Amino acid sequence: MRLITIGEAAKLLSVDPATLRRHETTDGCWIELYGHRIRVHRMSPSPKAQRRFDEAEIYRVLARLAKAR
């Protein structure tokens, strides 16, 4: 598993990093985007901790979106 920053994830998904932050669920464990859930990995227990995303999971979401089109 390769964890990437919120900026890298946003670039792959073609959205602004603020969009990913805004779509985070209230428990802070998931992001709901385009009807798909993407797990958020926190680097510490703090709510303001840096977010990381599994690169393979981002690519799976992109593949599902491409199939839906």
PDB file of N, CA and C in Angstrom:
ATOM      1  N   MET A   1       0.845  -1.165   0.000  1.00  0.00           N
ATOM      2  CA  MET A   1       0.000   0.000   0.000  1.00  0.00           C
ATOM      3  C   MET A   1       0.896   1.236   0.000  1.00  0.00           C
ATOM      4  N   ARG A   2       0.668   2.103  -0.969  1.00  0.00           N
ATOM      5  CA  ARG A   2       1.399   3.367  -1.038  1.00  0.00           C
ATOM      6  C   ARG A   2       0.436   4.483  -0.652  1.00  0.00           C
ATOM      7  N   LEU A   3       0.745   5.187   0.427  1.00  0.00           N
ATOM      8  CA  LEU A   3      -0.102   6.287   0.873  1.00  0.00           C
ATOM      9  C   LEU A   3       0.373   7.581   0.218  1.00  0.00           C
ATOM     10  N   ILE A   4      -0.587   8.352  -0.309  1.00  0.00           N
ATOM     11  CA  ILE A   4      -0.258   9.607  -0.976  1.00  0.00           C
ATOM     12  C   ILE A   4      -0.929  10.765  -0.230  1.00  0.00           C
ATOM     13  N   THR A   5      -0.418  11.964  -0.451  1.00  0.00           N
ATOM     14  CA  THR A   5      -0.942  13.148   0.226  1.00  0.00           C
ATOM     15  C   THR A   5      -2.289  13.551  -0.365  1.00  0.00           C
ATOM     16  N   ILE A   6      -2.958  14.455   0.338  1.00  0.00           N
ATOM     17  CA  ILE A   6      -4.249  14.940  -0.135  1.00  0.00           C
ATOM     18  C   ILE A   6      -4.089  15.686  -1.469  1.00  0.00           C
ATOM     19  N   GLY A   7      -2.974  16.369  -1.647  1.00  0.00           N
ATOM     20  CA  GLY A   7      -2.721  17.071  -2.904  1.00  0.00           C
ATOM     21  C   GLY A   7      -2.563  16.113  -4.074  1.00  0.00           C
ATOM     22  N   GLU A   8      -1.830  15.028  -3.859  1.00  0.00           N
ATOM     23  CA  GLU A   8      -1.649  14.031  -4.915  1.00  0.00           C
ATOM     24  C   GLU A   8      -2.975  13.344  -5.245  1.00  0.00           C
ATOM     25  N   ALA A   9      -3.749  13.023  -4.209  1.00  0.00           N
ATOM     26  CA  ALA A   9      -5.052  12.382  -4.423  1.00  0.00           C
ATOM     27  C   ALA A   9      -5.977  13.311  -5.188  1.00  0.00           C
ATOM     28  N   ALA A  10      -5.978  14.582  -4.815  1.00  0.00           N
ATOM     29  CA  ALA A  10      -6.830  15.567  -5.489  1.00  0.00           C
ATOM     30  C   ALA A  10      -6.447  15.698  -6.959  1.00  0.00           C
ATOM     31  N   LYS A  11      -5.165  15.686  -7.234  1.00  0.00           N
ATOM     32  CA  LYS A  11      -4.701  15.794  -8.624  1.00  0.00           C
ATOM     33  C   LYS A  11      -5.169  14.591  -9.444  1.00  0.00           C
ATOM     34  N   LEU A  12      -5.061  13.388  -8.877  1.00  0.00           N
ATOM     35  CA  LEU A  12      -5.502  12.187  -9.589  1.00  0.00           C
ATOM     36  C   LEU A  12      -7.009  12.223  -9.851  1.00  0.00           C
ATOM     37  N   LEU A  13      -7.770  12.748  -8.884  1.00  0.00           N
ATOM     38  CA  LEU A  13      -9.230  12.785  -9.001  1.00  0.00           C
ATOM     39  C   LEU A  13      -9.734  14.036  -9.723  1.00  0.00           C
ATOM     40  N   SER A  14      -8.813  14.925 -10.086  1.00  0.00           N
ATOM     41  CA  SER A  14      -9.139  16.181 -10.779  1.00  0.00           C
ATOM     42  C   SER A  14     -10.076  17.070  -9.963  1.00  0.00           C
ATOM     43  N   VAL A  15      -9.788  17.173  -8.682  1.00  0.00           N
ATOM     44  CA  VAL A  15     -10.540  18.070  -7.801  1.00  0.00           C
ATOM     45  C   VAL A  15      -9.543  18.866  -6.961  1.00  0.00           C
ATOM     46  N   ASP A  16     -10.043  19.891  -6.307  1.00  0.00           N
ATOM     47  CA  ASP A  16      -9.227  20.690  -5.413  1.00  0.00           C
ATOM     48  C   ASP A  16      -9.088  19.954  -4.069  1.00  0.00           C
ATOM     49  N   PRO A  17      -7.950  20.075  -3.393  1.00  0.00           N
ATOM     50  CA  PRO A  17      -7.819  19.435  -2.079  1.00  0.00           C
ATOM     51  C   PRO A  17      -8.922  19.861  -1.101  1.00  0.00           C
ATOM     52  N   ALA A  18      -9.384  21.091  -1.208  1.00  0.00           N
ATOM     53  CA  ALA A  18     -10.467  21.554  -0.336  1.00  0.00           C
ATOM     54  C   ALA A  18     -11.743  20.739  -0.564  1.00  0.00           C
ATOM     55  N   THR A  19     -11.950  20.276  -1.784  1.00  0.00           N
ATOM     56  CA  THR A  19     -13.119  19.447  -2.089  1.00  0.00           C
ATOM     57  C   THR A  19     -13.043  18.131  -1.328  1.00  0.00           C
ATOM     58  N   LEU A  20     -11.865  17.541  -1.274  1.00  0.00           N
ATOM     59  CA  LEU A  20     -11.711  16.290  -0.527  1.00  0.00           C
ATOM     60  C   LEU A  20     -11.960  16.521   0.964  1.00  0.00           C
ATOM     61  N   ARG A  21     -11.462  17.622   1.489  1.00  0.00           N
ATOM     62  CA  ARG A  21     -11.698  17.927   2.903  1.00  0.00           C
ATOM     63  C   ARG A  21     -13.188  18.138   3.176  1.00  0.00           C
ATOM     64  N   ARG A  22     -13.853  18.831   2.272  1.00  0.00           N
ATOM     65  CA  ARG A  22     -15.278  19.144   2.435  1.00  0.00           C
ATOM     66  C   ARG A  22     -16.151  17.893   2.383  1.00  0.00           C
ATOM     67  N   HIS A  23     -15.748  16.897   1.611  1.00  0.00           N
ATOM     68  CA  HIS A  23     -16.550  15.683   1.442  1.00  0.00           C
ATOM     69  C   HIS A  23     -16.222  14.602   2.472  1.00  0.00           C
ATOM     70  N   GLU A  24     -15.385  14.923   3.429  1.00  0.00           N
ATOM     71  CA  GLU A  24     -15.036  13.962   4.473  1.00  0.00           C
ATOM     72  C   GLU A  24     -16.247  13.729   5.380  1.00  0.00           C
ATOM     73  N   THR A  25     -16.486  12.476   5.728  1.00  0.00           N
ATOM     74  CA  THR A  25     -17.605  12.143   6.610  1.00  0.00           C
ATOM     75  C   THR A  25     -17.336  12.685   8.013  1.00  0.00           C
ATOM     76  N   THR A  26     -18.378  12.755   8.811  1.00  0.00           N
ATOM     77  CA  THR A  26     -18.246  13.342  10.146  1.00  0.00           C
ATOM     78  C   THR A  26     -17.286  12.575  11.051  1.00  0.00           C
ATOM     79  N   ASP A  27     -17.158  11.264  10.842  1.00  0.00           N
ATOM     80  CA  ASP A  27     -16.216  10.515  11.680  1.00  0.00           C
ATOM     81  C   ASP A  27     -14.777  10.638  11.180  1.00  0.00           C
ATOM     82  N   GLY A  28     -14.580  11.242  10.010  1.00  0.00           N
ATOM     83  CA  GLY A  28     -13.241  11.484   9.494  1.00  0.00           C
ATOM     84  C   GLY A  28     -12.538  10.277   8.927  1.00  0.00           C
ATOM     85  N   CYS A  29     -13.247   9.178   8.738  1.00  0.00           N
ATOM     86  CA  CYS A  29     -12.614   7.957   8.230  1.00  0.00           C
ATOM     87  C   CYS A  29     -12.777   7.768   6.728  1.00  0.00           C
ATOM     88  N   TRP A  30     -13.739   8.457   6.135  1.00  0.00           N
ATOM     89  CA  TRP A  30     -14.057   8.256   4.718  1.00  0.00           C
ATOM     90  C   TRP A  30     -14.301   9.580   4.022  1.00  0.00           C
ATOM     91  N   ILE A  31     -14.135   9.553   2.714  1.00  0.00           N
ATOM     92  CA  ILE A  31     -14.552  10.660   1.866  1.00  0.00           C
ATOM     93  C   ILE A  31     -15.555  10.085   0.897  1.00  0.00           C
ATOM     94  N   GLU A  32     -16.700  10.726   0.792  1.00  0.00           N
ATOM     95  CA  GLU A  32     -17.732  10.328  -0.175  1.00  0.00           C
ATOM     96  C   GLU A  32     -17.576  11.240  -1.384  1.00  0.00           C
ATOM     97  N   LEU A  33     -17.193  10.680  -2.523  1.00  0.00           N
ATOM     98  CA  LEU A  33     -16.964  11.477  -3.722  1.00  0.00           C
ATOM     99  C   LEU A  33     -17.430  10.695  -4.934  1.00  0.00           C
ATOM    100  N   TYR A  34     -18.229  11.329  -5.756  1.00  0.00           N
ATOM    101  CA  TYR A  34     -18.754  10.704  -6.979  1.00  0.00           C
ATOM    102  C   TYR A  34     -19.508   9.407  -6.678  1.00  0.00           C
ATOM    103  N   GLY A  35     -20.108   9.318  -5.504  1.00  0.00           N
ATOM    104  CA  GLY A  35     -20.848   8.117  -5.134  1.00  0.00           C
ATOM    105  C   GLY A  35     -19.972   6.967  -4.668  1.00  0.00           C
ATOM    106  N   HIS A  36     -18.713   7.240  -4.400  1.00  0.00           N
ATOM    107  CA  HIS A  36     -17.764   6.215  -3.948  1.00  0.00           C
ATOM    108  C   HIS A  36     -17.144   6.646  -2.635  1.00  0.00           C
ATOM    109  N   ARG A  37     -16.830   5.664  -1.816  1.00  0.00           N
ATOM    110  CA  ARG A  37     -16.167   5.936  -0.542  1.00  0.00           C
ATOM    111  C   ARG A  37     -14.674   5.673  -0.687  1.00  0.00           C
ATOM    112  N   ILE A  38     -13.888   6.617  -0.189  1.00  0.00           N
ATOM    113  CA  ILE A  38     -12.429   6.501  -0.210  1.00  0.00           C
ATOM    114  C   ILE A  38     -11.956   6.634   1.231  1.00  0.00           C
ATOM    115  N   ARG A  39     -11.204   5.659   1.693  1.00  0.00           N
ATOM    116  CA  ARG A  39     -10.740   5.649   3.087  1.00  0.00           C
ATOM    117  C   ARG A  39      -9.692   6.728   3.307  1.00  0.00           C
ATOM    118  N   VAL A  40      -9.795   7.406   4.449  1.00  0.00           N
ATOM    119  CA  VAL A  40      -8.822   8.422   4.866  1.00  0.00           C
ATOM    120  C   VAL A  40      -7.931   7.803   5.939  1.00  0.00           C
ATOM    121  N   HIS A  41      -6.645   7.886   5.756  1.00  0.00           N
ATOM    122  CA  HIS A  41      -5.675   7.407   6.745  1.00  0.00           C
ATOM    123  C   HIS A  41      -5.096   8.634   7.440  1.00  0.00           C
ATOM    124  N   ARG A  42      -5.220   8.688   8.752  1.00  0.00           N
ATOM    125  CA  ARG A  42      -4.694   9.809   9.544  1.00  0.00           C
ATOM    126  C   ARG A  42      -3.309   9.438  10.070  1.00  0.00           C
ATOM    127  N   MET A  43      -2.403  10.408  10.055  1.00  0.00           N
ATOM    128  CA  MET A  43      -1.048  10.156  10.512  1.00  0.00           C
ATOM    129  C   MET A  43      -0.918  10.251  12.039  1.00  0.00           C
ATOM    130  N   SER A  44      -1.965  10.760  12.706  1.00  0.00           N
ATOM    131  CA  SER A  44      -2.023  10.772  14.164  1.00  0.00           C
ATOM    132  C   SER A  44      -3.492  10.835  14.568  1.00  0.00           C
ATOM    133  N   PRO A  45      -3.822  10.619  15.824  1.00  0.00           N
ATOM    134  CA  PRO A  45      -5.224  10.619  16.237  1.00  0.00           C
ATOM    135  C   PRO A  45      -5.887  12.003  16.205  1.00  0.00           C
ATOM    136  N   SER A  46      -5.125  13.047  16.073  1.00  0.00           N
ATOM    137  CA  SER A  46      -5.663  14.410  16.079  1.00  0.00           C
ATOM    138  C   SER A  46      -6.592  14.655  14.888  1.00  0.00           C
ATOM    139  N   PRO A  47      -7.703  15.385  15.089  1.00  0.00           N
ATOM    140  CA  PRO A  47      -8.603  15.696  13.966  1.00  0.00           C
ATOM    141  C   PRO A  47      -7.921  16.550  12.886  1.00  0.00           C
ATOM    142  N   LYS A  48      -6.874  17.265  13.255  1.00  0.00           N
ATOM    143  CA  LYS A  48      -6.167  18.103  12.293  1.00  0.00           C
ATOM    144  C   LYS A  48      -4.949  17.388  11.698  1.00  0.00           C
ATOM    145  N   ALA A  49      -4.831  16.116  11.933  1.00  0.00           N
ATOM    146  CA  ALA A  49      -3.690  15.341  11.438  1.00  0.00           C
ATOM    147  C   ALA A  49      -3.689  15.299   9.916  1.00  0.00           C
ATOM    148  N   GLN A  50      -2.521  15.089   9.363  1.00  0.00           N
ATOM    149  CA  GLN A  50      -2.398  14.995   7.912  1.00  0.00           C
ATOM    150  C   GLN A  50      -3.169  13.790   7.399  1.00  0.00           C
ATOM    151  N   ARG A  51      -3.839  13.995   6.275  1.00  0.00           N
ATOM    152  CA  ARG A  51      -4.610  12.918   5.646  1.00  0.00           C
ATOM    153  C   ARG A  51      -3.749  12.249   4.580  1.00  0.00           C
ATOM    154  N   ARG A  52      -3.895  10.942   4.485  1.00  0.00           N
ATOM    155  CA  ARG A  52      -3.221  10.176   3.428  1.00  0.00           C
ATOM    156  C   ARG A  52      -4.250   9.246   2.805  1.00  0.00           C
ATOM    157  N   PHE A  53      -4.035   8.893   1.548  1.00  0.00           N
ATOM    158  CA  PHE A  53      -4.958   8.053   0.794  1.00  0.00           C
ATOM    159  C   PHE A  53      -4.181   6.936   0.127  1.00  0.00           C
ATOM    160  N   ASP A  54      -4.784   5.767   0.054  1.00  0.00           N
ATOM    161  CA  ASP A  54      -4.177   4.622  -0.623  1.00  0.00           C
ATOM    162  C   ASP A  54      -4.263   4.870  -2.132  1.00  0.00           C
ATOM    163  N   GLU A  55      -3.118   4.944  -2.771  1.00  0.00           N
ATOM    164  CA  GLU A  55      -3.065   5.242  -4.203  1.00  0.00           C
ATOM    165  C   GLU A  55      -3.844   4.212  -5.024  1.00  0.00           C
ATOM    166  N   ALA A  56      -3.733   2.930  -4.668  1.00  0.00           N
ATOM    167  CA  ALA A  56      -4.443   1.873  -5.400  1.00  0.00           C
ATOM    168  C   ALA A  56      -5.953   2.062  -5.288  1.00  0.00           C
ATOM    169  N   GLU A  57      -6.431   2.507  -4.128  1.00  0.00           N
ATOM    170  CA  GLU A  57      -7.857   2.733  -3.944  1.00  0.00           C
ATOM    171  C   GLU A  57      -8.344   3.881  -4.837  1.00  0.00           C
ATOM    172  N   ILE A  58      -7.538   4.916  -4.960  1.00  0.00           N
ATOM    173  CA  ILE A  58      -7.887   6.037  -5.849  1.00  0.00           C
ATOM    174  C   ILE A  58      -8.012   5.527  -7.287  1.00  0.00           C
ATOM    175  N   TYR A  59      -7.072   4.716  -7.717  1.00  0.00           N
ATOM    176  CA  TYR A  59      -7.121   4.172  -9.083  1.00  0.00           C
ATOM    177  C   TYR A  59      -8.325   3.247  -9.289  1.00  0.00           C
ATOM    178  N   ARG A  60      -8.722   2.510  -8.256  1.00  0.00           N
ATOM    179  CA  ARG A  60      -9.926   1.665  -8.364  1.00  0.00           C
ATOM    180  C   ARG A  60     -11.169   2.526  -8.567  1.00  0.00           C
ATOM    181  N   VAL A  61     -11.268   3.626  -7.826  1.00  0.00           N
ATOM    182  CA  VAL A  61     -12.400   4.541  -7.991  1.00  0.00           C
ATOM    183  C   VAL A  61     -12.396   5.134  -9.393  1.00  0.00           C
ATOM    184  N   LEU A  62     -11.238   5.534  -9.873  1.00  0.00           N
ATOM    185  CA  LEU A  62     -11.142   6.089 -11.228  1.00  0.00           C
ATOM    186  C   LEU A  62     -11.553   5.062 -12.289  1.00  0.00           C
ATOM    187  N   ALA A  63     -11.173   3.806 -12.080  1.00  0.00           N
ATOM    188  CA  ALA A  63     -11.550   2.748 -13.026  1.00  0.00           C
ATOM    189  C   ALA A  63     -13.058   2.537 -13.028  1.00  0.00           C
ATOM    190  N   ARG A  64     -13.684   2.550 -11.841  1.00  0.00           N
ATOM    191  CA  ARG A  64     -15.138   2.396 -11.754  1.00  0.00           C
ATOM    192  C   ARG A  64     -15.848   3.574 -12.411  1.00  0.00           C
ATOM    193  N   LEU A  65     -15.317   4.764 -12.235  1.00  0.00           N
ATOM    194  CA  LEU A  65     -15.910   5.942 -12.872  1.00  0.00           C
ATOM    195  C   LEU A  65     -15.797   5.867 -14.391  1.00  0.00           C
ATOM    196  N   ALA A  66     -14.677   5.376 -14.875  1.00  0.00           N
ATOM    197  CA  ALA A  66     -14.478   5.236 -16.325  1.00  0.00           C
ATOM    198  C   ALA A  66     -15.451   4.210 -16.900  1.00  0.00           C
ATOM    199  N   LYS A  67     -15.698   3.117 -16.182  1.00  0.00           N
ATOM    200  CA  LYS A  67     -16.643   2.098 -16.645  1.00  0.00           C
ATOM    201  C   LYS A  67     -18.065   2.639 -16.694  1.00  0.00           C
ATOM    202  N   ALA A  68     -18.398   3.504 -15.736  1.00  0.00           N
ATOM    203  CA  ALA A  68     -19.753   4.053 -15.652  1.00  0.00           C
ATOM    204  C   ALA A  68     -20.057   5.019 -16.791  1.00  0.00           C
ATOM    205  N   ARG A  69     -19.040   5.563 -17.387  1.00  0.00           N
ATOM    206  CA  ARG A  69     -19.235   6.533 -18.484  1.00  0.00           C
ATOM    207  C   ARG A  69     -19.488   5.790 -19.724  1.00  0.00           C
TER     208      ARG A  69
END
